[in-house]
PDB file of N, CA and C in Angstrom:
ATOM      1  N   MET A   1      83.088   5.818 -53.083  1.00  0.00           N
ATOM      2  CA  MET A   1      83.382   7.539 -54.377  1.00  0.00           C
ATOM      3  C   MET A   1      84.755   6.883 -54.135  1.00  0.00           C
ATOM      4  N   SER A   2      85.469   8.118 -55.356  1.00  0.00           N
ATOM      5  CA  SER A   2      86.610   8.287 -55.802  1.00  0.00           C
ATOM      6  C   SER A   2      87.586   7.962 -54.988  1.00  0.00           C
ATOM      7  N   ARG A   3      88.822   7.089 -54.598  1.00  0.00           N
ATOM      8  CA  ARG A   3      89.681   7.258 -53.918  1.00  0.00           C
ATOM      9  C   ARG A   3      91.056   7.474 -54.453  1.00  0.00           C
ATOM     10  N   THR A   4      90.995   8.876 -55.638  1.00  0.00           N
ATOM     11  CA  THR A   4      91.341   9.760 -55.803  1.00  0.00           C
ATOM     12  C   THR A   4      92.023  11.210 -54.825  1.00  0.00           C
ATOM     13  N   LYS A   5      93.082  11.701 -54.767  1.00  0.00           N
ATOM     14  CA  LYS A   5      92.895  13.356 -54.537  1.00  0.00           C
ATOM     15  C   LYS A   5      93.099  14.191 -55.060  1.00  0.00           C
ATOM     16  N   VAL A   6      91.732  15.135 -55.065  1.00  0.00           N
ATOM     17  CA  VAL A   6      92.088  17.197 -55.986  1.00  0.00           C
ATOM     18  C   VAL A   6      92.148  17.844 -54.639  1.00  0.00           C
ATOM     19  N   MET A   7      92.219  18.767 -55.661  1.00  0.00           N
ATOM     20  CA  MET A   7      92.966  20.576 -54.794  1.00  0.00           C
ATOM     21  C   MET A   7      91.162  20.975 -55.120  1.00  0.00           C
ATOM     22  N   CYS A   8      90.765  21.321 -53.762  1.00  0.00           N
ATOM     23  CA  CYS A   8      89.919  22.412 -53.424  1.00  0.00           C
ATOM     24  C   CYS A   8      89.965  24.043 -52.818  1.00  0.00           C
ATOM     25  N   GLU A   9      89.603  23.824 -53.548  1.00  0.00           N
ATOM     26  CA  GLU A   9      89.004  25.886 -52.998  1.00  0.00           C
ATOM     27  C   GLU A   9      87.353  25.593 -51.312  1.00  0.00           C
ATOM     28  N   ILE A  10      88.138  25.812 -50.330  1.00  0.00           N
ATOM     29  CA  ILE A  10      86.707  25.336 -49.974  1.00  0.00           C
ATOM     30  C   ILE A  10      86.489  26.954 -49.338  1.00  0.00           C
ATOM     31  N   ASP A  11      85.137  26.624 -48.163  1.00  0.00           N
ATOM     32  CA  ASP A  11      84.141  28.556 -48.056  1.00  0.00           C
ATOM     33  C   ASP A  11      85.174  28.540 -46.368  1.00  0.00           C
ATOM     34  N   VAL A  12      86.120  29.117 -45.594  1.00  0.00           N
ATOM     35  CA  VAL A  12      86.857  29.261 -44.757  1.00  0.00           C
ATOM     36  C   VAL A  12      85.464  29.457 -43.311  1.00  0.00           C
ATOM     37  N   GLY A  13      84.161  30.146 -43.815  1.00  0.00           N
ATOM     38  CA  GLY A  13      83.991  29.526 -42.731  1.00  0.00           C
ATOM     39  C   GLY A  13      82.936  28.632 -42.772  1.00  0.00           C
ATOM     40  N   THR A  14      82.329  27.652 -43.440  1.00  0.00           N
ATOM     41  CA  THR A  14      81.370  26.874 -43.288  1.00  0.00           C
ATOM     42  C   THR A  14      82.438  25.615 -43.607  1.00  0.00           C
ATOM     43  N   ARG A  15      82.691  25.860 -44.158  1.00  0.00           N
ATOM     44  CA  ARG A  15      84.546  24.287 -44.584  1.00  0.00           C
ATOM     45  C   ARG A  15      84.148  23.218 -45.989  1.00  0.00           C
ATOM     46  N   TYR A  16      82.375  23.918 -46.743  1.00  0.00           N
ATOM     47  CA  TYR A  16      81.904  23.342 -47.221  1.00  0.00           C
ATOM     48  C   TYR A  16      83.971  23.575 -48.534  1.00  0.00           C
ATOM     49  N   VAL A  17      83.255  22.487 -49.054  1.00  0.00           N
ATOM     50  CA  VAL A  17      84.014  22.422 -51.040  1.00  0.00           C
ATOM     51  C   VAL A  17      83.401  23.335 -51.717  1.00  0.00           C
ATOM     52  N   THR A  18      83.559  24.601 -52.263  1.00  0.00           N
ATOM     53  CA  THR A  18      83.157  25.304 -53.472  1.00  0.00           C
ATOM     54  C   THR A  18      83.324  25.691 -54.409  1.00  0.00           C
ATOM     55  N   ARG A  19      84.796  24.252 -55.004  1.00  0.00           N
ATOM     56  CA  ARG A  19      85.203  23.649 -55.993  1.00  0.00           C
ATOM     57  C   ARG A  19      86.325  23.005 -55.907  1.00  0.00           C
ATOM     58  N   ILE A  20      86.931  22.703 -57.088  1.00  0.00           N
ATOM     59  CA  ILE A  20      87.700  21.593 -58.140  1.00  0.00           C
ATOM     60  C   ILE A  20      88.854  22.167 -58.802  1.00  0.00           C
ATOM     61  N   PHE A  21      89.252  22.126 -58.452  1.00  0.00           N
ATOM     62  CA  PHE A  21      90.671  22.543 -59.094  1.00  0.00           C
ATOM     63  C   PHE A  21      90.883  22.020 -60.119  1.00  0.00           C
ATOM     64  N   LYS A  22      90.969  22.616 -61.529  1.00  0.00           N
ATOM     65  CA  LYS A  22      91.238  21.468 -62.265  1.00  0.00           C
ATOM     66  C   LYS A  22      92.928  21.443 -63.302  1.00  0.00           C
ATOM     67  N   HIS A  23      93.422  22.134 -62.680  1.00  0.00           N
ATOM     68  CA  HIS A  23      95.030  21.797 -62.296  1.00  0.00           C
ATOM     69  C   HIS A  23      95.976  22.682 -60.845  1.00  0.00           C
ATOM     70  N   PRO A  24      96.298  21.977 -60.775  1.00  0.00           N
ATOM     71  CA  PRO A  24      96.415  22.046 -58.592  1.00  0.00           C
ATOM     72  C   PRO A  24      96.748  23.762 -58.782  1.00  0.00           C
ATOM     73  N   GLY A  25      97.485  23.974 -59.486  1.00  0.00           N
ATOM     74  CA  GLY A  25      98.921  24.872 -59.290  1.00  0.00           C
ATOM     75  C   GLY A  25      97.687  26.357 -59.430  1.00  0.00           C
ATOM     76  N   SER A  26      96.583  26.349 -60.083  1.00  0.00           N
ATOM     77  CA  SER A  26      95.575  27.528 -59.727  1.00  0.00           C
ATOM     78  C   SER A  26      95.434  27.718 -58.198  1.00  0.00           C
ATOM     79  N   ALA A  27      95.937  26.570 -57.192  1.00  0.00           N
ATOM     80  CA  ALA A  27      95.439  26.237 -55.643  1.00  0.00           C
ATOM     81  C   ALA A  27      96.935  27.936 -55.297  1.00  0.00           C
ATOM     82  N   LEU A  28      97.329  28.466 -56.283  1.00  0.00           N
ATOM     83  CA  LEU A  28      98.730  29.348 -55.631  1.00  0.00           C
ATOM     84  C   LEU A  28      98.622  30.764 -55.827  1.00  0.00           C
ATOM     85  N   PHE A  29      96.665  30.178 -55.770  1.00  0.00           N
ATOM     86  CA  PHE A  29      96.538  32.513 -56.252  1.00  0.00           C
ATOM     87  C   PHE A  29      95.346  32.723 -54.856  1.00  0.00           C
ATOM     88  N   LEU A  30      95.448  31.018 -54.232  1.00  0.00           N
ATOM     89  CA  LEU A  30      95.021  31.823 -53.502  1.00  0.00           C
ATOM     90  C   LEU A  30      95.206  31.659 -51.696  1.00  0.00           C
ATOM     91  N   PRO A  31      94.504  32.534 -51.058  1.00  0.00           N
ATOM     92  CA  PRO A  31      95.195  32.284 -49.363  1.00  0.00           C
ATOM     93  C   PRO A  31      95.330  30.367 -48.651  1.00  0.00           C
ATOM     94  N   PRO A  32      96.420  30.644 -48.503  1.00  0.00           N
ATOM     95  CA  PRO A  32      96.228  29.262 -47.647  1.00  0.00           C
ATOM     96  C   PRO A  32      95.462  28.082 -46.782  1.00  0.00           C
ATOM     97  N   GLU A  33      94.242  29.263 -46.177  1.00  0.00           N
ATOM     98  CA  GLU A  33      93.708  28.711 -45.348  1.00  0.00           C
ATOM     99  C   GLU A  33      91.822  28.401 -46.800  1.00  0.00           C
ATOM    100  N   GLN A  34      91.846  28.896 -47.600  1.00  0.00           N
ATOM    101  CA  GLN A  34      90.913  28.608 -48.825  1.00  0.00           C
ATOM    102  C   GLN A  34      91.226  27.016 -49.453  1.00  0.00           C
ATOM    103  N   VAL A  35      92.002  26.178 -49.199  1.00  0.00           N
ATOM    104  CA  VAL A  35      92.179  25.163 -49.530  1.00  0.00           C
ATOM    105  C   VAL A  35      92.713  23.811 -49.675  1.00  0.00           C
ATOM    106  N   ALA A  36      92.328  23.363 -49.976  1.00  0.00           N
ATOM    107  CA  ALA A  36      92.497  21.435 -48.825  1.00  0.00           C
ATOM    108  C   ALA A  36      92.260  20.632 -50.105  1.00  0.00           C
ATOM    109  N   GLU A  37      92.373  19.565 -49.484  1.00  0.00           N
ATOM    110  CA  GLU A  37      92.823  18.250 -50.321  1.00  0.00           C
ATOM    111  C   GLU A  37      91.232  17.317 -49.536  1.00  0.00           C
ATOM    112  N   PHE A  38      91.541  17.247 -51.287  1.00  0.00           N
ATOM    113  CA  PHE A  38      89.965  16.032 -50.357  1.00  0.00           C
ATOM    114  C   PHE A  38      89.730  14.773 -51.813  1.00  0.00           C
ATOM    115  N   TYR A  39      89.358  13.982 -51.809  1.00  0.00           N
ATOM    116  CA  TYR A  39      89.307  12.665 -51.737  1.00  0.00           C
ATOM    117  C   TYR A  39      88.135  13.299 -52.207  1.00  0.00           C
ATOM    118  N   LYS A  40      87.189  12.933 -54.310  1.00  0.00           N
ATOM    119  CA  LYS A  40      87.663  13.301 -55.294  1.00  0.00           C
ATOM    120  C   LYS A  40      85.844  13.533 -55.006  1.00  0.00           C
ATOM    121  N   GLY A  41      86.341  11.772 -54.790  1.00  0.00           N
ATOM    122  CA  GLY A  41      84.435  11.815 -54.445  1.00  0.00           C
ATOM    123  C   GLY A  41      83.323  12.166 -54.057  1.00  0.00           C
ATOM    124  N   HIS A  42      83.794  12.830 -52.358  1.00  0.00           N
ATOM    125  CA  HIS A  42      83.303  13.500 -51.287  1.00  0.00           C
ATOM    126  C   HIS A  42      83.741  15.536 -52.246  1.00  0.00           C
ATOM    127  N   ALA A  43      84.976  15.342 -52.428  1.00  0.00           N
ATOM    128  CA  ALA A  43      83.776  16.987 -53.152  1.00  0.00           C
ATOM    129  C   ALA A  43      82.884  17.246 -54.518  1.00  0.00           C
ATOM    130  N   VAL A  44      82.960  16.053 -54.568  1.00  0.00           N
ATOM    131  CA  VAL A  44      82.075  16.059 -56.144  1.00  0.00           C
ATOM    132  C   VAL A  44      80.582  15.932 -54.793  1.00  0.00           C
ATOM    133  N   GLU A  45      80.193  14.734 -53.868  1.00  0.00           N
ATOM    134  CA  GLU A  45      78.866  14.555 -53.460  1.00  0.00           C
ATOM    135  C   GLU A  45      78.824  16.373 -52.549  1.00  0.00           C
ATOM    136  N   ASN A  46      79.717  16.799 -51.625  1.00  0.00           N
ATOM    137  CA  ASN A  46      79.608  18.780 -51.223  1.00  0.00           C
ATOM    138  C   ASN A  46      78.784  19.300 -51.830  1.00  0.00           C
ATOM    139  N   ILE A  47      79.449  19.902 -52.805  1.00  0.00           N
ATOM    140  CA  ILE A  47      79.400  20.277 -54.304  1.00  0.00           C
ATOM    141  C   ILE A  47      78.261  19.731 -54.978  1.00  0.00           C
ATOM    142  N   ARG A  48      78.099  19.135 -54.941  1.00  0.00           N
ATOM    143  CA  ARG A  48      75.940  18.248 -55.250  1.00  0.00           C
ATOM    144  C   ARG A  48      75.117  18.832 -54.182  1.00  0.00           C
ATOM    145  N   ARG A  49      75.416  18.249 -52.916  1.00  0.00           N
ATOM    146  CA  ARG A  49      74.123  18.737 -51.793  1.00  0.00           C
ATOM    147  C   ARG A  49      74.693  20.302 -51.779  1.00  0.00           C
ATOM    148  N   GLN A  50      74.843  21.326 -52.179  1.00  0.00           N
ATOM    149  CA  GLN A  50      75.134  22.394 -51.472  1.00  0.00           C
ATOM    150  C   GLN A  50      74.248  23.105 -53.412  1.00  0.00           C
ATOM    151  N   VAL A  51      74.025  22.410 -54.189  1.00  0.00           N
ATOM    152  CA  VAL A  51      73.791  22.565 -55.281  1.00  0.00           C
ATOM    153  C   VAL A  51      71.906  22.449 -55.179  1.00  0.00           C
ATOM    154  N   PHE A  52      72.590  21.739 -54.825  1.00  0.00           N
ATOM    155  CA  PHE A  52      70.653  20.982 -54.232  1.00  0.00           C
ATOM    156  C   PHE A  52      69.949  21.805 -53.147  1.00  0.00           C
ATOM    157  N   ALA A  53      70.225  22.194 -52.099  1.00  0.00           N
ATOM    158  CA  ALA A  53      69.807  23.131 -52.176  1.00  0.00           C
ATOM    159  C   ALA A  53      69.820  24.396 -51.781  1.00  0.00           C
ATOM    160  N   ALA A  54      70.860  25.237 -52.837  1.00  0.00           N
ATOM    161  CA  ALA A  54      70.140  26.212 -53.499  1.00  0.00           C
ATOM    162  C   ALA A  54      69.163  25.952 -54.003  1.00  0.00           C
ATOM    163  N   SER A  55      68.688  24.922 -55.036  1.00  0.00           N
ATOM    164  CA  SER A  55      67.795  24.692 -55.917  1.00  0.00           C
ATOM    165  C   SER A  55      66.888  25.398 -55.280  1.00  0.00           C
ATOM    166  N   LYS A  56      66.408  24.350 -53.664  1.00  0.00           N
ATOM    167  CA  LYS A  56      65.449  25.049 -53.399  1.00  0.00           C
ATOM    168  C   LYS A  56      64.117  23.360 -53.528  1.00  0.00           C
ATOM    169  N   GLY A  57      64.944  22.409 -54.402  1.00  0.00           N
ATOM    170  CA  GLY A  57      63.747  21.664 -54.652  1.00  0.00           C
ATOM    171  C   GLY A  57      63.052  21.329 -56.635  1.00  0.00           C
ATOM    172  N   GLU A  58      63.689  22.404 -56.993  1.00  0.00           N
ATOM    173  CA  GLU A  58      62.957  22.697 -58.177  1.00  0.00           C
ATOM    174  C   GLU A  58      64.325  22.676 -59.452  1.00  0.00           C
ATOM    175  N   CYS A  59      63.695  22.588 -60.705  1.00  0.00           N
ATOM    176  CA  CYS A  59      64.430  22.141 -62.330  1.00  0.00           C
ATOM    177  C   CYS A  59      65.090  24.029 -62.228  1.00  0.00           C
ATOM    178  N   ARG A  60      66.143  23.569 -62.477  1.00  0.00           N
ATOM    179  CA  ARG A  60      66.594  25.714 -62.870  1.00  0.00           C
ATOM    180  C   ARG A  60      65.782  26.154 -64.078  1.00  0.00           C
ATOM    181  N   ASN A  61      65.490  25.212 -65.390  1.00  0.00           N
ATOM    182  CA  ASN A  61      64.962  25.222 -66.089  1.00  0.00           C
ATOM    183  C   ASN A  61      63.945  25.247 -66.090  1.00  0.00           C
ATOM    184  N   CYS A  62      62.791  24.234 -65.750  1.00  0.00           N
ATOM    185  CA  CYS A  62      61.701  24.229 -65.435  1.00  0.00           C
ATOM    186  C   CYS A  62      60.247  24.554 -64.721  1.00  0.00           C
ATOM    187  N   GLY A  63      61.045  23.789 -63.392  1.00  0.00           N
ATOM    188  CA  GLY A  63      60.734  24.566 -62.264  1.00  0.00           C
ATOM    189  C   GLY A  63      60.314  23.196 -61.284  1.00  0.00           C
ATOM    190  N   ARG A  64      59.919  22.483 -62.467  1.00  0.00           N
ATOM    191  CA  ARG A  64      58.820  20.745 -61.821  1.00  0.00           C
ATOM    192  C   ARG A  64      59.768  20.147 -60.559  1.00  0.00           C
ATOM    193  N   PRO A  65      59.365  19.730 -60.063  1.00  0.00           N
ATOM    194  CA  PRO A  65      60.073  19.480 -57.953  1.00  0.00           C
ATOM    195  C   PRO A  65      61.108  18.586 -58.927  1.00  0.00           C
ATOM    196  N   ILE A  66      62.374  17.998 -57.856  1.00  0.00           N
ATOM    197  CA  ILE A  66      62.618  17.350 -58.555  1.00  0.00           C
ATOM    198  C   ILE A  66      63.167  16.494 -56.303  1.00  0.00           C
ATOM    199  N   THR A  67      63.833  15.833 -56.564  1.00  0.00           N
ATOM    200  CA  THR A  67      64.391  15.385 -55.340  1.00  0.00           C
ATOM    201  C   THR A  67      65.668  14.977 -54.987  1.00  0.00           C
ATOM    202  N   TRP A  68      66.667  14.705 -54.907  1.00  0.00           N
ATOM    203  CA  TRP A  68      67.745  14.288 -54.399  1.00  0.00           C
ATOM    204  C   TRP A  68      68.278  13.515 -55.502  1.00  0.00           C
ATOM    205  N   VAL A  69      67.714  12.237 -55.336  1.00  0.00           N
ATOM    206  CA  VAL A  69      67.767  10.756 -55.774  1.00  0.00           C
ATOM    207  C   VAL A  69      67.556  11.301 -57.883  1.00  0.00           C
ATOM    208  N   GLY A  70      67.222  12.214 -57.521  1.00  0.00           N
ATOM    209  CA  GLY A  70      66.654  12.861 -59.228  1.00  0.00           C
ATOM    210  C   GLY A  70      67.027  13.857 -59.652  1.00  0.00           C
ATOM    211  N   PHE A  71      67.990  14.329 -59.109  1.00  0.00           N
ATOM    212  CA  PHE A  71      68.719  14.798 -59.761  1.00  0.00           C
ATOM    213  C   PHE A  71      69.280  15.512 -60.953  1.00  0.00           C
ATOM    214  N   HIS A  72      69.742  16.082 -61.630  1.00  0.00           N
ATOM    215  CA  HIS A  72      71.234  16.281 -62.406  1.00  0.00           C
ATOM    216  C   HIS A  72      72.361  16.991 -61.967  1.00  0.00           C
ATOM    217  N   MET A  73      73.107  16.934 -61.909  1.00  0.00           N
ATOM    218  CA  MET A  73      74.028  18.634 -61.199  1.00  0.00           C
ATOM    219  C   MET A  73      74.809  18.574 -63.139  1.00  0.00           C
ATOM    220  N   HIS A  74      74.323  19.954 -63.644  1.00  0.00           N
ATOM    221  CA  HIS A  74      74.775  19.894 -64.649  1.00  0.00           C
ATOM    222  C   HIS A  74      76.520  22.092 -64.463  1.00  0.00           C
ATOM    223  N   GLU A  75      76.418  21.307 -65.533  1.00  0.00           N
ATOM    224  CA  GLU A  75      78.104  22.122 -65.893  1.00  0.00           C
ATOM    225  C   GLU A  75      77.793  23.122 -66.430  1.00  0.00           C
ATOM    226  N   GLN A  76      77.728  24.469 -65.879  1.00  0.00           N
ATOM    227  CA  GLN A  76      77.286  26.221 -67.976  1.00  0.00           C
ATOM    228  C   GLN A  76      78.119  25.519 -68.225  1.00  0.00           C
ATOM    229  N   ILE A  77      79.380  25.955 -67.757  1.00  0.00           N
ATOM    230  CA  ILE A  77      80.391  25.802 -68.792  1.00  0.00           C
ATOM    231  C   ILE A  77      81.084  24.223 -68.718  1.00  0.00           C
ATOM    232  N   PRO A  78      80.663  23.650 -70.002  1.00  0.00           N
ATOM    233  CA  PRO A  78      80.974  22.493 -69.921  1.00  0.00           C
ATOM    234  C   PRO A  78      82.899  22.037 -69.630  1.00  0.00           C
ATOM    235  N   LYS A  79      83.628  20.907 -68.897  1.00  0.00           N
ATOM    236  CA  LYS A  79      84.258  20.879 -68.064  1.00  0.00           C
ATOM    237  C   LYS A  79      86.015  20.429 -69.369  1.00  0.00           C
ATOM    238  N   SER A  80      84.893  20.364 -71.126  1.00  0.00           N
ATOM    239  CA  SER A  80      85.441  20.649 -72.229  1.00  0.00           C
ATOM    240  C   SER A  80      85.773  21.913 -72.444  1.00  0.00           C
ATOM    241  N   GLN A  81      84.873  22.871 -72.446  1.00  0.00           N
ATOM    242  CA  GLN A  81      85.787  23.677 -73.022  1.00  0.00           C
ATOM    243  C   GLN A  81      85.970  24.913 -71.698  1.00  0.00           C
ATOM    244  N   ASN A  82      86.770  24.567 -70.232  1.00  0.00           N
ATOM    245  CA  ASN A  82      87.673  24.848 -69.305  1.00  0.00           C
ATOM    246  C   ASN A  82      86.763  25.332 -68.539  1.00  0.00           C
ATOM    247  N   GLY A  83      85.477  24.637 -68.140  1.00  0.00           N
ATOM    248  CA  GLY A  83      84.616  24.754 -67.584  1.00  0.00           C
ATOM    249  C   GLY A  83      85.234  23.897 -65.699  1.00  0.00           C
ATOM    250  N   GLU A  84      84.305  24.850 -65.143  1.00  0.00           N
ATOM    251  CA  GLU A  84      85.094  23.603 -63.878  1.00  0.00           C
ATOM    252  C   GLU A  84      83.729  23.009 -62.956  1.00  0.00           C
ATOM    253  N   VAL A  85      83.888  22.078 -61.895  1.00  0.00           N
ATOM    254  CA  VAL A  85      82.804  21.244 -61.042  1.00  0.00           C
ATOM    255  C   VAL A  85      82.845  22.278 -59.984  1.00  0.00           C
ATOM    256  N   SER A  86      82.156  22.893 -59.759  1.00  0.00           N
ATOM    257  CA  SER A  86      81.682  23.932 -58.834  1.00  0.00           C
ATOM    258  C   SER A  86      79.973  24.355 -58.542  1.00  0.00           C
ATOM    259  N   ILE A  87      80.258  25.332 -57.118  1.00  0.00           N
ATOM    260  CA  ILE A  87      78.763  25.586 -57.076  1.00  0.00           C
ATOM    261  C   ILE A  87      79.004  27.168 -57.622  1.00  0.00           C
ATOM    262  N   TYR A  88      79.386  27.551 -58.331  1.00  0.00           N
ATOM    263  CA  TYR A  88      79.412  29.123 -59.829  1.00  0.00           C
ATOM    264  C   TYR A  88      78.698  27.793 -61.076  1.00  0.00           C
ATOM    265  N   ASN A  89      79.018  27.292 -60.598  1.00  0.00           N
ATOM    266  CA  ASN A  89      79.101  26.732 -61.658  1.00  0.00           C
ATOM    267  C   ASN A  89      78.217  25.342 -62.448  1.00  0.00           C
ATOM    268  N   SER A  90      77.438  25.026 -61.431  1.00  0.00           N
ATOM    269  CA  SER A  90      76.471  24.081 -61.366  1.00  0.00           C
ATOM    270  C   SER A  90      74.981  24.180 -60.694  1.00  0.00           C
ATOM    271  N   VAL A  91      74.469  23.748 -61.594  1.00  0.00           N
ATOM    272  CA  VAL A  91      72.599  24.581 -61.596  1.00  0.00           C
ATOM    273  C   VAL A  91      72.306  22.654 -61.284  1.00  0.00           C
ATOM    274  N   ALA A  92      70.743  22.537 -60.311  1.00  0.00           N
ATOM    275  CA  ALA A  92      70.406  21.310 -61.377  1.00  0.00           C
ATOM    276  C   ALA A  92      69.362  21.637 -61.492  1.00  0.00           C
ATOM    277  N   LEU A  93      69.236  20.022 -61.890  1.00  0.00           N
ATOM    278  CA  LEU A  93      67.944  20.196 -63.257  1.00  0.00           C
ATOM    279  C   LEU A  93      67.786  18.487 -62.862  1.00  0.00           C
ATOM    280  N   CYS A  94      66.042  19.305 -63.514  1.00  0.00           N
ATOM    281  CA  CYS A  94      65.140  17.481 -64.086  1.00  0.00           C
ATOM    282  C   CYS A  94      65.445  16.641 -64.842  1.00  0.00           C
ATOM    283  N   ALA A  95      65.478  14.935 -64.750  1.00  0.00           N
ATOM    284  CA  ALA A  95      66.464  14.390 -66.136  1.00  0.00           C
ATOM    285  C   ALA A  95      65.943  15.060 -67.284  1.00  0.00           C
ATOM    286  N   LYS A  96      64.819  15.483 -67.770  1.00  0.00           N
ATOM    287  CA  LYS A  96      64.119  15.682 -68.806  1.00  0.00           C
ATOM    288  C   LYS A  96      64.619  16.681 -68.644  1.00  0.00           C
ATOM    289  N   CYS A  97      64.867  17.490 -68.702  1.00  0.00           N
ATOM    290  CA  CYS A  97      65.289  19.008 -68.917  1.00  0.00           C
ATOM    291  C   CYS A  97      66.672  18.686 -69.536  1.00  0.00           C
ATOM    292  N   HIS A  98      68.148  17.827 -68.487  1.00  0.00           N
ATOM    293  CA  HIS A  98      69.160  17.547 -69.349  1.00  0.00           C
ATOM    294  C   HIS A  98      69.170  17.276 -69.596  1.00  0.00           C
ATOM    295  N   LEU A  99      68.559  16.314 -69.891  1.00  0.00           N
ATOM    296  CA  LEU A  99      68.873  14.806 -71.468  1.00  0.00           C
ATOM    297  C   LEU A  99      68.269  15.776 -72.751  1.00  0.00           C
ATOM    298  N   GLN A 100      67.215  17.273 -72.308  1.00  0.00           N
ATOM    299  CA  GLN A 100      66.731  17.215 -74.289  1.00  0.00           C
ATOM    300  C   GLN A 100      67.221  18.499 -74.199  1.00  0.00           C
ATOM    301  N   GLY A 101      68.773  19.237 -73.877  1.00  0.00           N
ATOM    302  CA  GLY A 101      69.555  20.507 -73.642  1.00  0.00           C
ATOM    303  C   GLY A 101      70.704  19.630 -74.754  1.00  0.00           C
ATOM    304  N   GLU A 102      71.657  19.531 -74.800  1.00  0.00           N
ATOM    305  CA  GLU A 102      73.123  19.266 -75.666  1.00  0.00           C
ATOM    306  C   GLU A 102      73.223  17.792 -75.509  1.00  0.00           C
ATOM    307  N   HIS A 103      72.611  17.652 -74.403  1.00  0.00           N
ATOM    308  CA  HIS A 103      73.540  16.453 -74.137  1.00  0.00           C
ATOM    309  C   HIS A 103      72.026  15.254 -74.603  1.00  0.00           C
ATOM    310  N   ALA A 104      71.053  15.596 -74.959  1.00  0.00           N
ATOM    311  CA  ALA A 104      70.682  15.059 -75.920  1.00  0.00           C
ATOM    312  C   ALA A 104      70.762  13.065 -77.213  1.00  0.00           C
ATOM    313  N   ASN A 105      71.499  14.513 -78.443  1.00  0.00           N
ATOM    314  CA  ASN A 105      72.661  14.368 -78.762  1.00  0.00           C
ATOM    315  C   ASN A 105      74.570  12.807 -78.479  1.00  0.00           C
ATOM    316  N   ARG A 106      73.650  13.267 -77.721  1.00  0.00           N
ATOM    317  CA  ARG A 106      74.858  11.562 -76.800  1.00  0.00           C
ATOM    318  C   ARG A 106      74.344  10.236 -76.478  1.00  0.00           C
ATOM    319  N   ALA A 107      75.676   9.600 -77.036  1.00  0.00           N
ATOM    320  CA  ALA A 107      75.526   8.201 -76.158  1.00  0.00           C
ATOM    321  C   ALA A 107      76.110   7.903 -75.279  1.00  0.00           C
ATOM    322  N   PRO A 108      74.700   6.996 -74.612  1.00  0.00           N
ATOM    323  CA  PRO A 108      75.096   6.203 -73.390  1.00  0.00           C
ATOM    324  C   PRO A 108      76.572   5.498 -73.311  1.00  0.00           C
ATOM    325  N   HIS A 109      77.605   5.578 -72.075  1.00  0.00           N
ATOM    326  CA  HIS A 109      79.211   4.585 -72.002  1.00  0.00           C
ATOM    327  C   HIS A 109      78.589   4.099 -70.639  1.00  0.00           C
ATOM    328  N   PHE A 110      79.371   2.575 -70.110  1.00  0.00           N
ATOM    329  CA  PHE A 110      79.195   2.461 -69.515  1.00  0.00           C
ATOM    330  C   PHE A 110      81.085   1.889 -68.791  1.00  0.00           C
ATOM    331  N   LYS A 111      80.415   1.987 -68.105  1.00  0.00           N
ATOM    332  CA  LYS A 111      82.229   1.498 -66.884  1.00  0.00           C
ATOM    333  C   LYS A 111      81.956   0.017 -67.304  1.00  0.00           C
ATOM    334  N   ARG A 112      83.132  -0.409 -68.011  1.00  0.00           N
ATOM    335  CA  ARG A 112      83.678  -1.766 -67.708  1.00  0.00           C
ATOM    336  C   ARG A 112      84.380  -2.325 -66.687  1.00  0.00           C
ATOM    337  N   GLY A 113      83.389  -3.482 -65.636  1.00  0.00           N
ATOM    338  CA  GLY A 113      84.601  -3.705 -64.648  1.00  0.00           C
ATOM    339  C   GLY A 113      83.571  -5.198 -64.467  1.00  0.00           C
ATOM    340  N   PRO A 114      84.546  -6.072 -63.186  1.00  0.00           N
ATOM    341  CA  PRO A 114      84.011  -7.513 -63.581  1.00  0.00           C
ATOM    342  C   PRO A 114      82.657  -7.086 -63.274  1.00  0.00           C
ATOM    343  N   LYS A 115      81.572  -8.437 -63.378  1.00  0.00           N
ATOM    344  CA  LYS A 115      80.326  -8.910 -63.387  1.00  0.00           C
ATOM    345  C   LYS A 115      79.702  -9.267 -61.566  1.00  0.00           C
ATOM    346  N   ASN A 116      81.055  -9.459 -61.540  1.00  0.00           N
ATOM    347  CA  ASN A 116      80.623 -10.271 -59.681  1.00  0.00           C
ATOM    348  C   ASN A 116      81.796  -9.975 -59.356  1.00  0.00           C
ATOM    349  N   ASP A 117      81.659 -10.732 -57.773  1.00  0.00           N
ATOM    350  CA  ASP A 117      82.679 -10.529 -56.813  1.00  0.00           C
ATOM    351  C   ASP A 117      84.266 -11.614 -56.995  1.00  0.00           C
ATOM    352  N   VAL A 118      83.430 -12.347 -57.774  1.00  0.00           N
ATOM    353  CA  VAL A 118      84.794 -13.735 -57.982  1.00  0.00           C
ATOM    354  C   VAL A 118      84.999 -12.863 -58.609  1.00  0.00           C
ATOM    355  N   GLU A 119      85.167 -12.377 -60.100  1.00  0.00           N
ATOM    356  CA  GLU A 119      86.048 -12.128 -61.410  1.00  0.00           C
ATOM    357  C   GLU A 119      87.067 -11.271 -60.350  1.00  0.00           C
ATOM    358  N   GLN A 120      86.505 -10.441 -59.349  1.00  0.00           N
ATOM    359  CA  GLN A 120      87.120  -9.392 -58.821  1.00  0.00           C
ATOM    360  C   GLN A 120      88.826 -10.203 -57.884  1.00  0.00           C
ATOM    361  N   SER A 121      88.074 -11.279 -57.470  1.00  0.00           N
ATOM    362  CA  SER A 121      88.967 -12.030 -56.580  1.00  0.00           C
ATOM    363  C   SER A 121      90.313 -12.480 -57.035  1.00  0.00           C
ATOM    364  N   LYS A 122      89.982 -12.441 -59.087  1.00  0.00           N
ATOM    365  CA  LYS A 122      91.228 -13.247 -59.822  1.00  0.00           C
ATOM    366  C   LYS A 122      92.213 -12.423 -60.554  1.00  0.00           C
TER     367      LYS A 122
END
């Protein structure tokens, strides 16, 4: 999980993350009890779990059954267009629906990094 910390809006009752602020200054407009700092990986995982639970195990587009391992979290308004990672902007899709839409022409990209533990220790 990511070790970068991010500012998040949280549900006061459940303490679940509801959105990750794109700009930390956005948190200034909320009451302090609705704002918390989390590691980014934890915050995204928290949102993914809520999006999956809300889907009731079905793809939002086609209704096919989806699993926790196989579902894709899709932002309805992309981050590149000022969308945010949140439970309000995200839906659960099956891989087929997610990859055939606007993601169909996207070239795959892979993280560059060490190939094994020996390289990491150098």
